PDB file of N, CA and C in Angstrom:
ATOM      1  N   MET A   1      33.084   7.301 -23.973  1.00  0.00           N
ATOM      2  CA  MET A   1      32.592   8.622 -23.639  1.00  0.00           C
ATOM      3  C   MET A   1      31.159   8.551 -23.121  1.00  0.00           C
ATOM      4  N   ALA A   2      30.294   7.854 -23.847  1.00  0.00           N
ATOM      5  CA  ALA A   2      28.890   7.761 -23.448  1.00  0.00           C
ATOM      6  C   ALA A   2      28.744   7.014 -22.129  1.00  0.00           C
ATOM      7  N   ALA A   3      29.591   6.002 -21.903  1.00  0.00           N
ATOM      8  CA  ALA A   3      29.508   5.228 -20.661  1.00  0.00           C
ATOM      9  C   ALA A   3      29.764   6.119 -19.450  1.00  0.00           C
ATOM     10  N   LYS A   4      30.732   7.027 -19.559  1.00  0.00           N
ATOM     11  CA  LYS A   4      31.021   7.933 -18.438  1.00  0.00           C
ATOM     12  C   LYS A   4      29.852   8.869 -18.174  1.00  0.00           C
ATOM     13  N   TRP A   5      29.215   9.327 -19.223  1.00  0.00           N
ATOM     14  CA  TRP A   5      28.055  10.195 -19.090  1.00  0.00           C
ATOM     15  C   TRP A   5      26.906   9.447 -18.431  1.00  0.00           C
ATOM     16  N   ILE A   6      26.660   8.228 -18.858  1.00  0.00           N
ATOM     17  CA  ILE A   6      25.590   7.404 -18.283  1.00  0.00           C
ATOM     18  C   ILE A   6      25.884   7.117 -16.813  1.00  0.00           C
ATOM     19  N   GLU A   7      27.137   6.752 -16.508  1.00  0.00           N
ATOM     20  CA  GLU A   7      27.514   6.472 -15.122  1.00  0.00           C
ATOM     21  C   GLU A   7      27.377   7.713 -14.246  1.00  0.00           C
ATOM     22  N   ALA A   8      27.629   8.886 -14.799  1.00  0.00           N
ATOM     23  CA  ALA A   8      27.470  10.119 -14.025  1.00  0.00           C
ATOM     24  C   ALA A   8      26.015  10.294 -13.595  1.00  0.00           C
ATOM     25  N   LEU A   9      25.091   9.834 -14.406  1.00  0.00           N
ATOM     26  CA  LEU A   9      23.667   9.954 -14.087  1.00  0.00           C
ATOM     27  C   LEU A   9      23.148   8.815 -13.223  1.00  0.00           C
ATOM     28  N   THR A  10      23.609   7.599 -13.508  1.00  0.00           N
ATOM     29  CA  THR A  10      23.006   6.419 -12.862  1.00  0.00           C
ATOM     30  C   THR A  10      23.892   5.730 -11.850  1.00  0.00           C
ATOM     31  N   GLY A  11      25.153   6.085 -11.785  1.00  0.00           N
ATOM     32  CA  GLY A  11      26.075   5.390 -10.900  1.00  0.00           C
ATOM     33  C   GLY A  11      26.903   4.389 -11.685  1.00  0.00           C
ATOM     34  N   SER A  12      27.817   3.764 -11.016  1.00  0.00           N
ATOM     35  CA  SER A  12      28.764   2.855 -11.648  1.00  0.00           C
ATOM     36  C   SER A  12      28.080   1.630 -12.236  1.00  0.00           C
ATOM     37  N   LEU A  13      28.346   1.379 -13.513  1.00  0.00           N
ATOM     38  CA  LEU A  13      27.814   0.173 -14.150  1.00  0.00           C
ATOM     39  C   LEU A  13      28.466  -1.071 -13.566  1.00  0.00           C
ATOM     40  N   GLU A  14      29.739  -0.968 -13.202  1.00  0.00           N
ATOM     41  CA  GLU A  14      30.440  -2.111 -12.594  1.00  0.00           C
ATOM     42  C   GLU A  14      29.815  -2.472 -11.241  1.00  0.00           C
ATOM     43  N   GLN A  15      29.459  -1.459 -10.460  1.00  0.00           N
ATOM     44  CA  GLN A  15      28.802  -1.721  -9.176  1.00  0.00           C
ATOM     45  C   GLN A  15      27.456  -2.405  -9.391  1.00  0.00           C
ATOM     46  N   LYS A  16      26.737  -1.982 -10.399  1.00  0.00           N
ATOM     47  CA  LYS A  16      25.443  -2.597 -10.699  1.00  0.00           C
ATOM     48  C   LYS A  16      25.627  -4.066 -11.073  1.00  0.00           C
ATOM     49  N   LYS A  17      26.673  -4.369 -11.846  1.00  0.00           N
ATOM     50  CA  LYS A  17      26.962  -5.759 -12.222  1.00  0.00           C
ATOM     51  C   LYS A  17      27.306  -6.582 -10.981  1.00  0.00           C
ATOM     52  N   GLN A  18      28.140  -6.025 -10.115  1.00  0.00           N
ATOM     53  CA  GLN A  18      28.531  -6.734  -8.896  1.00  0.00           C
ATOM     54  C   GLN A  18      27.321  -6.983  -8.004  1.00  0.00           C
ATOM     55  N   TYR A  19      26.470  -5.980  -7.876  1.00  0.00           N
ATOM     56  CA  TYR A  19      25.274  -6.130  -7.055  1.00  0.00           C
ATOM     57  C   TYR A  19      24.365  -7.218  -7.634  1.00  0.00           C
ATOM     58  N   LYS A  20      24.127  -7.155  -8.941  1.00  0.00           N
ATOM     59  CA  LYS A  20      23.269  -8.151  -9.586  1.00  0.00           C
ATOM     60  C   LYS A  20      23.827  -9.555  -9.416  1.00  0.00           C
ATOM     61  N   ASN A  21      25.137  -9.678  -9.517  1.00  0.00           N
ATOM     62  CA  ASN A  21      25.785 -10.976  -9.334  1.00  0.00           C
ATOM     63  C   ASN A  21      25.588 -11.481  -7.910  1.00  0.00           C
ATOM     64  N   ALA A  22      25.791 -10.600  -6.924  1.00  0.00           N
ATOM     65  CA  ALA A  22      25.608 -10.988  -5.519  1.00  0.00           C
ATOM     66  C   ALA A  22      24.160 -11.392  -5.252  1.00  0.00           C
ATOM     67  N   LYS A  23      23.213 -10.629  -5.789  1.00  0.00           N
ATOM     68  CA  LYS A  23      21.793 -10.952  -5.609  1.00  0.00           C
ATOM     69  C   LYS A  23      21.469 -12.298  -6.258  1.00  0.00           C
ATOM     70  N   GLY A  24      22.029 -12.559  -7.426  1.00  0.00           N
ATOM     71  CA  GLY A  24      21.832 -13.840  -8.094  1.00  0.00           C
ATOM     72  C   GLY A  24      22.391 -14.999  -7.286  1.00  0.00           C
ATOM     73  N   ARG A  25      23.528 -14.790  -6.650  1.00  0.00           N
ATOM     74  CA  ARG A  25      24.117 -15.829  -5.795  1.00  0.00           C
ATOM     75  C   ARG A  25      23.213 -16.119  -4.602  1.00  0.00           C
ATOM     76  N   ILE A  26      22.623 -15.085  -4.024  1.00  0.00           N
ATOM     77  CA  ILE A  26      21.699 -15.270  -2.903  1.00  0.00           C
ATOM     78  C   ILE A  26      20.465 -16.040  -3.373  1.00  0.00           C
ATOM     79  N   ASP A  27      19.923 -15.649  -4.513  1.00  0.00           N
ATOM     80  CA  ASP A  27      18.727 -16.308  -5.054  1.00  0.00           C
ATOM     81  C   ASP A  27      18.984 -17.767  -5.421  1.00  0.00           C
ATOM     82  N   ALA A  28      20.240 -18.125  -5.680  1.00  0.00           N
ATOM     83  CA  ALA A  28      20.582 -19.487  -6.075  1.00  0.00           C
ATOM     84  C   ALA A  28      20.893 -20.412  -4.889  1.00  0.00           C
ATOM     85  N   LEU A  29      20.918 -19.865  -3.687  1.00  0.00           N
ATOM     86  CA  LEU A  29      21.216 -20.686  -2.513  1.00  0.00           C
ATOM     87  C   LEU A  29      20.121 -21.727  -2.292  1.00  0.00           C
ATOM     88  N   PRO A  30      20.501 -22.867  -1.719  1.00  0.00           N
ATOM     89  CA  PRO A  30      19.470 -23.842  -1.350  1.00  0.00           C
ATOM     90  C   PRO A  30      18.747 -23.377  -0.084  1.00  0.00           C
ATOM     91  N   GLU A  31      17.557 -23.886   0.099  1.00  0.00           N
ATOM     92  CA  GLU A  31      16.808 -23.592   1.326  1.00  0.00           C
ATOM     93  C   GLU A  31      17.467 -24.302   2.495  1.00  0.00           C
ATOM     94  N   PRO A  32      17.399 -23.785   3.685  1.00  0.00           N
ATOM     95  CA  PRO A  32      16.754 -22.566   4.151  1.00  0.00           C
ATOM     96  C   PRO A  32      17.662 -21.341   4.066  1.00  0.00           C
ATOM     97  N   HIS A  33      18.889 -21.531   3.574  1.00  0.00           N
ATOM     98  CA  HIS A  33      19.834 -20.416   3.504  1.00  0.00           C
ATOM     99  C   HIS A  33      19.347 -19.324   2.554  1.00  0.00           C
ATOM    100  N   ARG A  34      18.655 -19.709   1.469  1.00  0.00           N
ATOM    101  CA  ARG A  34      18.137 -18.709   0.532  1.00  0.00           C
ATOM    102  C   ARG A  34      17.144 -17.782   1.226  1.00  0.00           C
ATOM    103  N   THR A  35      16.237 -18.366   2.005  1.00  0.00           N
ATOM    104  CA  THR A  35      15.233 -17.560   2.707  1.00  0.00           C
ATOM    105  C   THR A  35      15.898 -16.615   3.705  1.00  0.00           C
ATOM    106  N   ALA A  36      16.857 -17.120   4.473  1.00  0.00           N
ATOM    107  CA  ALA A  36      17.535 -16.301   5.478  1.00  0.00           C
ATOM    108  C   ALA A  36      18.340 -15.185   4.813  1.00  0.00           C
ATOM    109  N   ALA A  37      19.108 -15.527   3.790  1.00  0.00           N
ATOM    110  CA  ALA A  37      19.922 -14.522   3.101  1.00  0.00           C
ATOM    111  C   ALA A  37      19.034 -13.489   2.411  1.00  0.00           C
ATOM    112  N   GLY A  38      17.949 -13.936   1.812  1.00  0.00           N
ATOM    113  CA  GLY A  38      17.019 -13.012   1.163  1.00  0.00           C
ATOM    114  C   GLY A  38      16.383 -12.056   2.154  1.00  0.00           C
ATOM    115  N   ALA A  39      16.045 -12.576   3.330  1.00  0.00           N
ATOM    116  CA  ALA A  39      15.455 -11.729   4.369  1.00  0.00           C
ATOM    117  C   ALA A  39      16.468 -10.700   4.862  1.00  0.00           C
ATOM    118  N   MET A  40      17.716 -11.122   5.037  1.00  0.00           N
ATOM    119  CA  MET A  40      18.758 -10.168   5.453  1.00  0.00           C
ATOM    120  C   MET A  40      18.967  -9.113   4.373  1.00  0.00           C
ATOM    121  N   HIS A  41      18.992  -9.550   3.135  1.00  0.00           N
ATOM    122  CA  HIS A  41      19.178  -8.620   2.017  1.00  0.00           C
ATOM    123  C   HIS A  41      18.086  -7.566   2.031  1.00  0.00           C
ATOM    124  N   ARG A  42      16.849  -8.003   2.162  1.00  0.00           N
ATOM    125  CA  ARG A  42      15.727  -7.071   2.182  1.00  0.00           C
ATOM    126  C   ARG A  42      15.857  -6.089   3.354  1.00  0.00           C
ATOM    127  N   TYR A  43      16.179  -6.600   4.534  1.00  0.00           N
ATOM    128  CA  TYR A  43      16.320  -5.757   5.717  1.00  0.00           C
ATOM    129  C   TYR A  43      17.442  -4.734   5.519  1.00  0.00           C
ATOM    130  N   LEU A  44      18.553  -5.180   4.949  1.00  0.00           N
ATOM    131  CA  LEU A  44      19.678  -4.275   4.724  1.00  0.00           C
ATOM    132  C   LEU A  44      19.329  -3.164   3.738  1.00  0.00           C
ATOM    133  N   MET A  45      18.453  -3.451   2.798  1.00  0.00           N
ATOM    134  CA  MET A  45      18.027  -2.419   1.851  1.00  0.00           C
ATOM    135  C   MET A  45      17.290  -1.297   2.584  1.00  0.00           C
ATOM    136  N   TYR A  46      16.559  -1.649   3.627  1.00  0.00           N
ATOM    137  CA  TYR A  46      15.842  -0.636   4.419  1.00  0.00           C
ATOM    138  C   TYR A  46      16.715  -0.045   5.516  1.00  0.00           C
ATOM    139  N   TYR A  47      17.429  -0.901   6.225  1.00  0.00           N
ATOM    140  CA  TYR A  47      18.172  -0.471   7.400  1.00  0.00           C
ATOM    141  C   TYR A  47      19.522   0.154   7.053  1.00  0.00           C
ATOM    142  N   GLY A  48      20.238  -0.460   6.126  1.00  0.00           N
ATOM    143  CA  GLY A  48      21.625  -0.088   5.862  1.00  0.00           C
ATOM    144  C   GLY A  48      21.859   1.379   5.670  1.00  0.00           C
ATOM    145  N   GLY A  49      21.089   2.017   4.804  1.00  0.00           N
ATOM    146  CA  GLY A  49      21.209   3.447   4.587  1.00  0.00           C
ATOM    147  C   GLY A  49      22.539   3.890   4.017  1.00  0.00           C
ATOM    148  N   VAL A  50      23.355   2.975   3.534  1.00  0.00           N
ATOM    149  CA  VAL A  50      24.660   3.324   2.984  1.00  0.00           C
ATOM    150  C   VAL A  50      24.452   3.991   1.637  1.00  0.00           C
ATOM    151  N   THR A  51      25.091   5.130   1.427  1.00  0.00           N
ATOM    152  CA  THR A  51      24.950   5.843   0.158  1.00  0.00           C
ATOM    153  C   THR A  51      26.177   5.712  -0.734  1.00  0.00           C
ATOM    154  N   ASP A  52      27.274   5.228  -0.202  1.00  0.00           N
ATOM    155  CA  ASP A  52      28.489   5.032  -0.980  1.00  0.00           C
ATOM    156  C   ASP A  52      28.368   3.723  -1.761  1.00  0.00           C
ATOM    157  N   GLY A  53      28.408   3.807  -3.082  1.00  0.00           N
ATOM    158  CA  GLY A  53      28.195   2.639  -3.930  1.00  0.00           C
ATOM    159  C   GLY A  53      29.195   1.524  -3.707  1.00  0.00           C
ATOM    160  N   ASP A  54      30.473   1.857  -3.535  1.00  0.00           N
ATOM    161  CA  ASP A  54      31.482   0.823  -3.315  1.00  0.00           C
ATOM    162  C   ASP A  54      31.220   0.063  -2.024  1.00  0.00           C
ATOM    163  N   THR A  55      30.877   0.781  -0.977  1.00  0.00           N
ATOM    164  CA  THR A  55      30.610   0.157   0.318  1.00  0.00           C
ATOM    165  C   THR A  55      29.360  -0.707   0.247  1.00  0.00           C
ATOM    166  N   LEU A  56      28.325  -0.193  -0.369  1.00  0.00           N
ATOM    167  CA  LEU A  56      27.069  -0.931  -0.495  1.00  0.00           C
ATOM    168  C   LEU A  56      27.273  -2.218  -1.295  1.00  0.00           C
ATOM    169  N   THR A  57      27.974  -2.102  -2.403  1.00  0.00           N
ATOM    170  CA  THR A  57      28.247  -3.279  -3.225  1.00  0.00           C
ATOM    171  C   THR A  57      29.026  -4.312  -2.431  1.00  0.00           C
ATOM    172  N   GLN A  58      30.059  -3.875  -1.720  1.00  0.00           N
ATOM    173  CA  GLN A  58      30.868  -4.812  -0.936  1.00  0.00           C
ATOM    174  C   GLN A  58      30.035  -5.499   0.141  1.00  0.00           C
ATOM    175  N   MET A  59      29.124  -4.756   0.764  1.00  0.00           N
ATOM    176  CA  MET A  59      28.274  -5.347   1.802  1.00  0.00           C
ATOM    177  C   MET A  59      27.448  -6.502   1.226  1.00  0.00           C
ATOM    178  N   PHE A  60      26.874  -6.313   0.043  1.00  0.00           N
ATOM    179  CA  PHE A  60      26.045  -7.365  -0.534  1.00  0.00           C
ATOM    180  C   PHE A  60      26.869  -8.522  -1.086  1.00  0.00           C
ATOM    181  N   VAL A  61      28.068  -8.246  -1.574  1.00  0.00           N
ATOM    182  CA  VAL A  61      28.968  -9.332  -1.993  1.00  0.00           C
ATOM    183  C   VAL A  61      29.343 -10.165  -0.771  1.00  0.00           C
ATOM    184  N   ASP A  62      29.667  -9.493   0.335  1.00  0.00           N
ATOM    185  CA  ASP A  62      30.022 -10.204   1.564  1.00  0.00           C
ATOM    186  C   ASP A  62      28.841 -11.001   2.124  1.00  0.00           C
ATOM    187  N   LEU A  63      27.641 -10.455   1.985  1.00  0.00           N
ATOM    188  CA  LEU A  63      26.446 -11.178   2.428  1.00  0.00           C
ATOM    189  C   LEU A  63      26.299 -12.476   1.638  1.00  0.00           C
ATOM    190  N   ALA A  64      26.466 -12.392   0.323  1.00  0.00           N
ATOM    191  CA  ALA A  64      26.389 -13.592  -0.513  1.00  0.00           C
ATOM    192  C   ALA A  64      27.483 -14.579  -0.122  1.00  0.00           C
ATOM    193  N   ASP A  65      28.701 -14.082   0.115  1.00  0.00           N
ATOM    194  CA  ASP A  65      29.808 -14.952   0.542  1.00  0.00           C
ATOM    195  C   ASP A  65      29.472 -15.673   1.842  1.00  0.00           C
ATOM    196  N   LEU A  66      28.958 -14.924   2.810  1.00  0.00           N
ATOM    197  CA  LEU A  66      28.613 -15.487   4.117  1.00  0.00           C
ATOM    198  C   LEU A  66      27.651 -16.656   3.982  1.00  0.00           C
ATOM    199  N   TRP A  67      26.564 -16.439   3.248  1.00  0.00           N
ATOM    200  CA  TRP A  67      25.530 -17.471   3.156  1.00  0.00           C
ATOM    201  C   TRP A  67      25.924 -18.619   2.242  1.00  0.00           C
ATOM    202  N   GLU A  68      26.718 -18.341   1.218  1.00  0.00           N
ATOM    203  CA  GLU A  68      27.234 -19.447   0.394  1.00  0.00           C
ATOM    204  C   GLU A  68      28.132 -20.351   1.221  1.00  0.00           C
ATOM    205  N   ARG A  69      29.024 -19.746   1.983  1.00  0.00           N
ATOM    206  CA  ARG A  69      29.941 -20.535   2.810  1.00  0.00           C
ATOM    207  C   ARG A  69      29.172 -21.341   3.857  1.00  0.00           C
ATOM    208  N   ALA A  70      28.185 -20.716   4.485  1.00  0.00           N
ATOM    209  CA  ALA A  70      27.379 -21.419   5.489  1.00  0.00           C
ATOM    210  C   ALA A  70      26.643 -22.584   4.855  1.00  0.00           C
ATOM    211  N   SER A  71      26.121 -22.389   3.670  1.00  0.00           N
ATOM    212  CA  SER A  71      25.401 -23.454   2.974  1.00  0.00           C
ATOM    213  C   SER A  71      26.340 -24.604   2.622  1.00  0.00           C
ATOM    214  N   ILE A  72      27.492 -24.272   2.076  1.00  0.00           N
ATOM    215  CA  ILE A  72      28.474 -25.296   1.695  1.00  0.00           C
ATOM    216  C   ILE A  72      28.933 -26.085   2.914  1.00  0.00           C
ATOM    217  N   ASP A  73      29.161 -25.383   4.018  1.00  0.00           N
ATOM    218  CA  ASP A  73      29.648 -26.031   5.244  1.00  0.00           C
ATOM    219  C   ASP A  73      28.539 -26.690   6.054  1.00  0.00           C
ATOM    220  N   GLY A  74      27.289 -26.512   5.621  1.00  0.00           N
ATOM    221  CA  GLY A  74      26.166 -27.109   6.332  1.00  0.00           C
ATOM    222  C   GLY A  74      25.885 -26.477   7.684  1.00  0.00           C
ATOM    223  N   ILE A  75      26.206 -25.204   7.835  1.00  0.00           N
ATOM    224  CA  ILE A  75      25.978 -24.507   9.103  1.00  0.00           C
ATOM    225  C   ILE A  75      24.512 -24.095   9.164  1.00  0.00           C
ATOM    226  N   PRO A  76      23.810 -24.472  10.212  1.00  0.00           N
ATOM    227  CA  PRO A  76      22.398 -24.089  10.335  1.00  0.00           C
ATOM    228  C   PRO A  76      22.228 -22.574  10.431  1.00  0.00           C
ATOM    229  N   VAL A  77      21.106 -22.104   9.932  1.00  0.00           N
ATOM    230  CA  VAL A  77      20.795 -20.674   9.921  1.00  0.00           C
ATOM    231  C   VAL A  77      20.929 -20.069  11.320  1.00  0.00           C
ATOM    232  N   GLY A  78      20.380 -20.723  12.319  1.00  0.00           N
ATOM    233  CA  GLY A  78      20.419 -20.212  13.688  1.00  0.00           C
ATOM    234  C   GLY A  78      21.822 -20.041  14.235  1.00  0.00           C
ATOM    235  N   GLU A  79      22.767 -20.850  13.754  1.00  0.00           N
ATOM    236  CA  GLU A  79      24.145 -20.691  14.208  1.00  0.00           C
ATOM    237  C   GLU A  79      24.789 -19.452  13.591  1.00  0.00           C
ATOM    238  N   ILE A  80      24.285 -19.012  12.473  1.00  0.00           N
ATOM    239  CA  ILE A  80      24.799 -17.801  11.836  1.00  0.00           C
ATOM    240  C   ILE A  80      24.195 -16.569  12.508  1.00  0.00           C
ATOM    241  N   THR A  81      22.877 -16.545  12.607  1.00  0.00           N
ATOM    242  CA  THR A  81      22.197 -15.338  13.095  1.00  0.00           C
ATOM    243  C   THR A  81      22.066 -15.259  14.603  1.00  0.00           C
ATOM    244  N   GLY A  82      22.187 -16.386  15.275  1.00  0.00           N
ATOM    245  CA  GLY A  82      21.957 -16.395  16.713  1.00  0.00           C
ATOM    246  C   GLY A  82      20.482 -16.243  17.016  1.00  0.00           C
ATOM    247  N   ASP A  83      20.157 -15.949  18.263  1.00  0.00           N
ATOM    248  CA  ASP A  83      18.759 -15.835  18.685  1.00  0.00           C
ATOM    249  C   ASP A  83      18.085 -14.545  18.243  1.00  0.00           C
ATOM    250  N   ASP A  84      18.889 -13.530  17.897  1.00  0.00           N
ATOM    251  CA  ASP A  84      18.332 -12.233  17.513  1.00  0.00           C
ATOM    252  C   ASP A  84      18.811 -11.857  16.104  1.00  0.00           C
ATOM    253  N   PRO A  85      18.063 -12.274  15.081  1.00  0.00           N
ATOM    254  CA  PRO A  85      18.505 -11.990  13.713  1.00  0.00           C
ATOM    255  C   PRO A  85      18.561 -10.499  13.383  1.00  0.00           C
ATOM    256  N   VAL A  86      17.741  -9.693  14.042  1.00  0.00           N
ATOM    257  CA  VAL A  86      17.773  -8.249  13.800  1.00  0.00           C
ATOM    258  C   VAL A  86      19.104  -7.681  14.296  1.00  0.00           C
ATOM    259  N   ASP A  87      19.493  -8.052  15.502  1.00  0.00           N
ATOM    260  CA  ASP A  87      20.765  -7.581  16.049  1.00  0.00           C
ATOM    261  C   ASP A  87      21.926  -8.051  15.172  1.00  0.00           C
ATOM    262  N   PHE A  88      21.887  -9.303  14.741  1.00  0.00           N
ATOM    263  CA  PHE A  88      22.947  -9.827  13.876  1.00  0.00           C
ATOM    264  C   PHE A  88      23.040  -9.009  12.593  1.00  0.00           C
ATOM    265  N   THR A  89      21.899  -8.750  11.965  1.00  0.00           N
ATOM    266  CA  THR A  89      21.878  -8.040  10.687  1.00  0.00           C
ATOM    267  C   THR A  89      22.312  -6.592  10.854  1.00  0.00           C
ATOM    268  N   GLU A  90      21.883  -5.948  11.920  1.00  0.00           N
ATOM    269  CA  GLU A  90      22.288  -4.566  12.155  1.00  0.00           C
ATOM    270  C   GLU A  90      23.779  -4.471  12.472  1.00  0.00           C
ATOM    271  N   THR A  91      24.301  -5.433  13.206  1.00  0.00           N
ATOM    272  CA  THR A  91      25.733  -5.466  13.488  1.00  0.00           C
ATOM    273  C   THR A  91      26.514  -5.693  12.200  1.00  0.00           C
ATOM    274  N   PHE A  92      26.014  -6.592  11.359  1.00  0.00           N
ATOM    275  CA  PHE A  92      26.623  -6.834  10.046  1.00  0.00           C
ATOM    276  C   PHE A  92      26.689  -5.524   9.262  1.00  0.00           C
ATOM    277  N   ALA A  93      25.597  -4.783   9.202  1.00  0.00           N
ATOM    278  CA  ALA A  93      25.537  -3.530   8.448  1.00  0.00           C
ATOM    279  C   ALA A  93      26.490  -2.486   9.025  1.00  0.00           C
ATOM    280  N   GLN A  94      26.613  -2.442  10.341  1.00  0.00           N
ATOM    281  CA  GLN A  94      27.467  -1.438  10.976  1.00  0.00           C
ATOM    282  C   GLN A  94      28.949  -1.680  10.701  1.00  0.00           C
ATOM    283  N   SER A  95      29.268  -2.860  10.204  1.00  0.00           N
ATOM    284  CA  SER A  95      30.655  -3.165   9.856  1.00  0.00           C
ATOM    285  C   SER A  95      31.107  -2.422   8.607  1.00  0.00           C
ATOM    286  N   TYR A  96      30.163  -1.852   7.893  1.00  0.00           N
ATOM    287  CA  TYR A  96      30.453  -1.169   6.641  1.00  0.00           C
ATOM    288  C   TYR A  96      30.326   0.327   6.871  1.00  0.00           C
ATOM    289  N   ALA A  97      31.459   0.948   7.140  1.00  0.00           N
ATOM    290  CA  ALA A  97      31.484   2.356   7.561  1.00  0.00           C
ATOM    291  C   ALA A  97      31.519   3.301   6.367  1.00  0.00           C
ATOM    292  N   GLY A  98      30.536   3.187   5.515  1.00  0.00           N
ATOM    293  CA  GLY A  98      30.436   4.129   4.405  1.00  0.00           C
ATOM    294  C   GLY A  98      29.588   5.315   4.817  1.00  0.00           C
ATOM    295  N   THR A  99      29.415   6.223   3.899  1.00  0.00           N
ATOM    296  CA  THR A  99      28.550   7.362   4.140  1.00  0.00           C
ATOM    297  C   THR A  99      27.109   6.874   4.129  1.00  0.00           C
ATOM    298  N   ARG A 100      26.359   7.250   5.120  1.00  0.00           N
ATOM    299  CA  ARG A 100      24.957   6.846   5.222  1.00  0.00           C
ATOM    300  C   ARG A 100      24.071   8.067   5.009  1.00  0.00           C
ATOM    301  N   TRP A 101      22.854   7.829   4.552  1.00  0.00           N
ATOM    302  CA  TRP A 101      21.935   8.941   4.286  1.00  0.00           C
ATOM    303  C   TRP A 101      21.686   9.755   5.544  1.00  0.00           C
ATOM    304  N   ILE A 102      21.708   9.107   6.704  1.00  0.00           N
ATOM    305  CA  ILE A 102      21.415   9.814   7.956  1.00  0.00           C
ATOM    306  C   ILE A 102      22.536  10.791   8.322  1.00  0.00           C
ATOM    307  N   ASP A 103      23.750  10.553   7.824  1.00  0.00           N
ATOM    308  CA  ASP A 103      24.866  11.457   8.115  1.00  0.00           C
ATOM    309  C   ASP A 103      24.551  12.871   7.650  1.00  0.00           C
ATOM    310  N   LYS A 104      23.977  13.002   6.461  1.00  0.00           N
ATOM    311  CA  LYS A 104      23.610  14.313   5.927  1.00  0.00           C
ATOM    312  C   LYS A 104      22.552  14.971   6.802  1.00  0.00           C
ATOM    313  N   GLU A 105      21.585  14.183   7.251  1.00  0.00           N
ATOM    314  CA  GLU A 105      20.519  14.731   8.099  1.00  0.00           C
ATOM    315  C   GLU A 105      21.038  15.105   9.478  1.00  0.00           C
ATOM    316  N   ARG A 106      21.980  14.337  10.006  1.00  0.00           N
ATOM    317  CA  ARG A 106      22.585  14.686  11.294  1.00  0.00           C
ATOM    318  C   ARG A 106      23.284  16.035  11.190  1.00  0.00           C
ATOM    319  N   ALA A 107      24.043  16.222  10.121  1.00  0.00           N
ATOM    320  CA  ALA A 107      24.749  17.491   9.912  1.00  0.00           C
ATOM    321  C   ALA A 107      23.760  18.637   9.745  1.00  0.00           C
ATOM    322  N   ARG A 108      22.681  18.379   9.024  1.00  0.00           N
ATOM    323  CA  ARG A 108      21.655  19.410   8.811  1.00  0.00           C
ATOM    324  C   ARG A 108      20.995  19.788  10.147  1.00  0.00           C
ATOM    325  N   LEU A 109      20.686  18.796  10.976  1.00  0.00           N
ATOM    326  CA  LEU A 109      20.085  19.049  12.286  1.00  0.00           C
ATOM    327  C   LEU A 109      21.035  19.865  13.163  1.00  0.00           C
ATOM    328  N   ALA A 110      22.300  19.451  13.219  1.00  0.00           N
ATOM    329  CA  ALA A 110      23.275  20.164  14.048  1.00  0.00           C
ATOM    330  C   ALA A 110      23.421  21.610  13.591  1.00  0.00           C
ATOM    331  N   GLU A 111      23.451  21.833  12.289  1.00  0.00           N
ATOM    332  CA  GLU A 111      23.587  23.198  11.771  1.00  0.00           C
ATOM    333  C   GLU A 111      22.344  24.030  12.084  1.00  0.00           C
ATOM    334  N   ALA A 112      21.162  23.431  11.957  1.00  0.00           N
ATOM    335  CA  ALA A 112      19.924  24.164  12.261  1.00  0.00           C
ATOM    336  C   ALA A 112      19.876  24.571  13.732  1.00  0.00           C
ATOM    337  N   ILE A 113      20.280  23.677  14.615  1.00  0.00           N
ATOM    338  CA  ILE A 113      20.286  23.992  16.051  1.00  0.00           C
ATOM    339  C   ILE A 113      21.326  25.072  16.347  1.00  0.00           C
ATOM    340  N   ALA A 114      22.496  24.973  15.718  1.00  0.00           N
ATOM    341  CA  ALA A 114      23.538  25.992  15.916  1.00  0.00           C
ATOM    342  C   ALA A 114      23.049  27.357  15.440  1.00  0.00           C
ATOM    343  N   THR A 115      22.361  27.392  14.318  1.00  0.00           N
ATOM    344  CA  THR A 115      21.813  28.649  13.799  1.00  0.00           C
ATOM    345  C   THR A 115      20.777  29.217  14.767  1.00  0.00           C
ATOM    346  N   ALA A 116      19.901  28.363  15.257  1.00  0.00           N
ATOM    347  CA  ALA A 116      18.879  28.810  16.210  1.00  0.00           C
ATOM    348  C   ALA A 116      19.528  29.366  17.475  1.00  0.00           C
ATOM    349  N   ARG A 117      20.570  28.717  17.957  1.00  0.00           N
ATOM    350  CA  ARG A 117      21.249  29.191  19.163  1.00  0.00           C
ATOM    351  C   ARG A 117      21.927  30.532  18.920  1.00  0.00           C
ATOM    352  N   ARG A 118      22.524  30.712  17.731  1.00  0.00           N
ATOM    353  CA  ARG A 118      23.160  31.999  17.414  1.00  0.00           C
ATOM    354  C   ARG A 118      22.116  33.116  17.398  1.00  0.00           C
ATOM    355  N   HIS A 119      20.961  32.862  16.789  1.00  0.00           N
ATOM    356  CA  HIS A 119      19.889  33.856  16.763  1.00  0.00           C
ATOM    357  C   HIS A 119      19.421  34.175  18.180  1.00  0.00           C
ATOM    358  N   GLU A 120      19.343  33.167  18.998  1.00  0.00           N
ATOM    359  CA  GLU A 120      18.907  33.335  20.387  1.00  0.00           C
ATOM    360  C   GLU A 120      19.907  34.221  21.142  1.00  0.00           C
ATOM    361  N   GLU A 121      21.195  33.935  20.922  1.00  0.00           N
ATOM    362  CA  GLU A 121      22.251  34.702  21.612  1.00  0.00           C
ATOM    363  C   GLU A 121      22.276  36.149  21.123  1.00  0.00           C
ATOM    364  N   GLU A 122      22.002  36.363  19.835  1.00  0.00           N
ATOM    365  CA  GLU A 122      21.993  37.713  19.277  1.00  0.00           C
ATOM    366  C   GLU A 122      20.885  38.555  19.887  1.00  0.00           C
ATOM    367  N   ARG A 123      19.770  37.929  20.242  1.00  0.00           N
ATOM    368  CA  ARG A 123      18.638  38.654  20.835  1.00  0.00           C
ATOM    369  C   ARG A 123      18.843  38.919  22.319  1.00  0.00           C
ATOM    370  N   SER A 124      19.754  38.216  22.924  1.00  0.00           N
ATOM    371  CA  SER A 124      19.963  38.390  24.376  1.00  0.00           C
ATOM    372  C   SER A 124      20.781  39.601  24.693  1.00  0.00           C
TER     373      SER A 124
END
């Protein structure tokens, strides 16, 4: 009973465990994969904007999977990210079609403009 109440306030405890596990896997990578994965993780925290916990958790689990596999296979960082690591990371994030914080703001902007146009038409 208490767990459901706590989760209602803070979000899924299972998602938090999965996220912590994925972050720990990234932190445990050997160099230079640890640095690259950590940098992507940090960028995704700012850029991703995903608000759906399941989607966000899956994105970070997949990030850990990607860099673990690259490390195990000995794939150089540049072969993963290519020449433009920002483009690679943003494309990676766009693969996760969850609800993003900007979606709410887009809807708010569209509604505000529609309201303004209705007021304008009423005065005409």
